[in-house]
Amino acid sequence: MGTPEPIPFEGQHSEDDLELFGPYRYLYPIDVEGDRFLVPERNYVLRALQYVEIKHRAVRLPYWDYCWNDTVGCCEMTYRESPEEPEQIGRACRVEVQPGMQIVKLPKGGRRCAPKR
């Protein structure tokens, strides 16, 4: 099957995008509980999920409940680094997103929504 390739980002970054996600040149395809989304490179999963929420309205997470810096361990998720890899447990605030990553189970309190198309 193989890992999907990053997609070059074309367009302008808004000031909000730059503040939240940093300057990015590529979008990585990832699966979130069965649906594919493109997210900015060089971000942790928690920040990538925030991108999915803002751009696609496809997840809802209680961001105020998460520590964002690995101090409490409150954003545990289940994921695969690629479709061929076994499931792992990790903290969304410390696992960097990779092309082809699969988020099998969102952090506690997270839920999927119908994505805007």
C-alpha atoms as a PDB file:
ATOM      1  CA  MET A   1       0.000   0.000   0.000  1.00  0.00           C
ATOM      2  CA  GLY A   2       2.790   2.452   0.895  1.00  0.00           C
ATOM      3  CA  THR A   3       2.848   5.751   2.683  1.00  0.00           C
ATOM      4  CA  PRO A   4       1.083   8.649   0.934  1.00  0.00           C
ATOM      5  CA  GLU A   5       3.300  11.480  -0.228  1.00  0.00           C
ATOM      6  CA  PRO A   6       3.159  14.993   1.247  1.00  0.00           C
ATOM      7  CA  ILE A   7       1.278  17.524  -0.892  1.00  0.00           C
ATOM      8  CA  PRO A   8       2.956  20.886  -1.628  1.00  0.00           C
ATOM      9  CA  PHE A   9       0.995  23.767  -0.095  1.00  0.00           C
ATOM     10  CA  GLU A  10       0.040  26.401  -2.617  1.00  0.00           C
ATOM     11  CA  GLY A  11      -1.422  29.667  -1.508  1.00  0.00           C
ATOM     12  CA  GLN A  12      -1.011  32.245   1.182  1.00  0.00           C
ATOM     13  CA  HIS A  13      -0.760  31.606   4.905  1.00  0.00           C
ATOM     14  CA  SER A  14      -3.090  33.701   6.992  1.00  0.00           C
ATOM     15  CA  GLU A  15      -1.645  35.348  10.089  1.00  0.00           C
ATOM     16  CA  ASP A  16      -3.741  32.960  12.200  1.00  0.00           C
ATOM     17  CA  ASP A  17      -2.320  29.952  10.312  1.00  0.00           C
ATOM     18  CA  LEU A  18       1.224  31.176  10.872  1.00  0.00           C
ATOM     19  CA  GLU A  19       0.597  31.792  14.560  1.00  0.00           C
ATOM     20  CA  LEU A  20      -1.019  28.386  15.176  1.00  0.00           C
ATOM     21  CA  PHE A  21       0.798  26.078  12.757  1.00  0.00           C
ATOM     22  CA  GLY A  22       3.974  27.903  11.757  1.00  0.00           C
ATOM     23  CA  PRO A  23       5.110  28.343   8.179  1.00  0.00           C
ATOM     24  CA  TYR A  24       4.579  25.090   6.307  1.00  0.00           C
ATOM     25  CA  ARG A  25       5.422  24.048   2.775  1.00  0.00           C
ATOM     26  CA  TYR A  26       3.672  20.671   2.763  1.00  0.00           C
ATOM     27  CA  LEU A  27       0.402  19.154   3.858  1.00  0.00           C
ATOM     28  CA  TYR A  28       0.480  15.591   5.132  1.00  0.00           C
ATOM     29  CA  PRO A  29      -2.380  13.187   4.432  1.00  0.00           C
ATOM     30  CA  ILE A  30      -3.533  11.544   7.662  1.00  0.00           C
ATOM     31  CA  ASP A  31      -6.571   9.470   8.620  1.00  0.00           C
ATOM     32  CA  VAL A  32      -8.649  10.492  11.608  1.00  0.00           C
ATOM     33  CA  GLU A  33     -10.920   7.649  12.692  1.00  0.00           C
ATOM     34  CA  GLY A  34     -11.370   6.550   9.094  1.00  0.00           C
ATOM     35  CA  ASP A  35     -11.490   9.847   7.162  1.00  0.00           C
ATOM     36  CA  ARG A  36      -8.550  11.389   5.326  1.00  0.00           C
ATOM     37  CA  PHE A  37      -7.464  14.987   5.897  1.00  0.00           C
ATOM     38  CA  LEU A  38      -4.498  17.124   4.926  1.00  0.00           C
ATOM     39  CA  VAL A  39      -2.631  18.767   7.810  1.00  0.00           C
ATOM     40  CA  PRO A  40       0.445  21.017   8.008  1.00  0.00           C
ATOM     41  CA  GLU A  41       3.858  19.417   8.335  1.00  0.00           C
ATOM     42  CA  ARG A  42       6.036  19.882  11.439  1.00  0.00           C
ATOM     43  CA  ASN A  43       3.182  19.910  13.939  1.00  0.00           C
ATOM     44  CA  TYR A  44       2.186  17.666  16.788  1.00  0.00           C
ATOM     45  CA  VAL A  45      -1.019  15.673  16.403  1.00  0.00           C
ATOM     46  CA  LEU A  46      -2.917  17.923  18.814  1.00  0.00           C
ATOM     47  CA  ARG A  47      -2.142  20.959  16.651  1.00  0.00           C
ATOM     48  CA  ALA A  48      -2.963  18.987  13.471  1.00  0.00           C
ATOM     49  CA  LEU A  49      -6.349  18.039  14.953  1.00  0.00           C
ATOM     50  CA  GLN A  50      -6.942  21.715  15.657  1.00  0.00           C
ATOM     51  CA  TYR A  51      -6.286  22.364  11.951  1.00  0.00           C
ATOM     52  CA  VAL A  52      -8.831  19.671  11.011  1.00  0.00           C
ATOM     53  CA  GLU A  53     -11.360  21.289  13.322  1.00  0.00           C
ATOM     54  CA  ILE A  54     -10.799  24.807  11.980  1.00  0.00           C
ATOM     55  CA  LYS A  55     -10.579  23.950   8.273  1.00  0.00           C
ATOM     56  CA  HIS A  56     -12.998  21.004   8.011  1.00  0.00           C
ATOM     57  CA  ARG A  57     -15.119  21.125  11.171  1.00  0.00           C
ATOM     58  CA  ALA A  58     -14.670  17.359  11.316  1.00  0.00           C
ATOM     59  CA  VAL A  59     -13.544  16.936  14.940  1.00  0.00           C
ATOM     60  CA  ARG A  60     -14.382  18.545  18.237  1.00  0.00           C
ATOM     61  CA  LEU A  61     -11.870  18.444  21.064  1.00  0.00           C
ATOM     62  CA  PRO A  62     -11.941  20.058  24.515  1.00  0.00           C
ATOM     63  CA  TYR A  63      -8.622  21.865  23.979  1.00  0.00           C
ATOM     64  CA  TRP A  64      -8.922  23.648  27.340  1.00  0.00           C
ATOM     65  CA  ASP A  65      -8.663  20.218  29.034  1.00  0.00           C
ATOM     66  CA  TYR A  66      -5.275  19.428  27.481  1.00  0.00           C
ATOM     67  CA  CYS A  67      -1.940  20.548  28.873  1.00  0.00           C
ATOM     68  CA  TRP A  68      -0.338  21.035  25.384  1.00  0.00           C
ATOM     69  CA  ASN A  69       3.165  20.408  26.719  1.00  0.00           C
ATOM     70  CA  ASP A  70       3.244  16.864  28.086  1.00  0.00           C
ATOM     71  CA  THR A  71       3.027  17.831  31.747  1.00  0.00           C
ATOM     72  CA  VAL A  72      -0.122  15.926  32.702  1.00  0.00           C
ATOM     73  CA  GLY A  73      -0.650  13.162  30.129  1.00  0.00           C
ATOM     74  CA  CYS A  74      -4.248  14.169  29.447  1.00  0.00           C
ATOM     75  CA  CYS A  75      -4.274  13.888  25.643  1.00  0.00           C
ATOM     76  CA  GLU A  76      -3.551  10.175  25.204  1.00  0.00           C
ATOM     77  CA  MET A  77      -4.618   8.789  21.822  1.00  0.00           C
ATOM     78  CA  THR A  78      -4.310   5.573  19.842  1.00  0.00           C
ATOM     79  CA  TYR A  79      -2.512   5.829  16.499  1.00  0.00           C
ATOM     80  CA  ARG A  80      -0.472   4.089  13.828  1.00  0.00           C
ATOM     81  CA  GLU A  81       2.556   5.750  12.284  1.00  0.00           C
ATOM     82  CA  SER A  82       1.497   4.196   8.974  1.00  0.00           C
ATOM     83  CA  PRO A  83      -1.161   1.677   7.890  1.00  0.00           C
ATOM     84  CA  GLU A  84       1.402  -1.146   8.096  1.00  0.00           C
ATOM     85  CA  GLU A  85       2.510  -0.347  11.648  1.00  0.00           C
ATOM     86  CA  PRO A  86       0.908  -1.649  14.864  1.00  0.00           C
ATOM     87  CA  GLU A  87      -1.312   0.540  17.011  1.00  0.00           C
ATOM     88  CA  GLN A  88       0.441   2.614  19.653  1.00  0.00           C
ATOM     89  CA  ILE A  89      -0.635   4.791  22.539  1.00  0.00           C
ATOM     90  CA  GLY A  90       0.857   8.269  22.633  1.00  0.00           C
ATOM     91  CA  ARG A  91       0.223  11.803  23.739  1.00  0.00           C
ATOM     92  CA  ALA A  92      -1.185  14.011  20.994  1.00  0.00           C
ATOM     93  CA  CYS A  93       0.808  16.959  22.366  1.00  0.00           C
ATOM     94  CA  ARG A  94       4.115  15.131  21.733  1.00  0.00           C
ATOM     95  CA  VAL A  95       3.635  12.837  18.725  1.00  0.00           C
ATOM     96  CA  GLU A  96       4.633  14.578  15.510  1.00  0.00           C
ATOM     97  CA  VAL A  97       2.313  14.036  12.558  1.00  0.00           C
ATOM     98  CA  GLN A  98       3.686  11.935   9.685  1.00  0.00           C
ATOM     99  CA  PRO A  99       2.346  11.334   6.162  1.00  0.00           C
ATOM    100  CA  GLY A 100      -0.003   8.351   6.235  1.00  0.00           C
ATOM    101  CA  MET A 101      -0.483   8.441  10.006  1.00  0.00           C
ATOM    102  CA  GLN A 102      -3.735   7.011  11.307  1.00  0.00           C
ATOM    103  CA  ILE A 103      -5.425   8.418  14.400  1.00  0.00           C
ATOM    104  CA  VAL A 104      -7.380   5.359  15.510  1.00  0.00           C
ATOM    105  CA  LYS A 105      -8.857   6.891  18.666  1.00  0.00           C
ATOM    106  CA  LEU A 106      -8.989  10.584  19.499  1.00  0.00           C
ATOM    107  CA  PRO A 107      -7.817  11.912  22.867  1.00  0.00           C
ATOM    108  CA  LYS A 108     -10.334  11.743  25.722  1.00  0.00           C
ATOM    109  CA  GLY A 109     -13.312  14.011  25.127  1.00  0.00           C
ATOM    110  CA  GLY A 110     -12.688  14.210  21.370  1.00  0.00           C
ATOM    111  CA  ARG A 111     -15.369  13.299  18.880  1.00  0.00           C
ATOM    112  CA  ARG A 112     -15.763  13.083  15.144  1.00  0.00           C
ATOM    113  CA  CYS A 113     -18.236  15.271  13.261  1.00  0.00           C
ATOM    114  CA  ALA A 114     -19.446  15.154   9.687  1.00  0.00           C
ATOM    115  CA  PRO A 115     -16.733  17.005   7.744  1.00  0.00           C
ATOM    116  CA  LYS A 116     -17.700  20.096   5.779  1.00  0.00           C
ATOM    117  CA  ARG A 117     -17.200  19.402   2.109  1.00  0.00           C
END
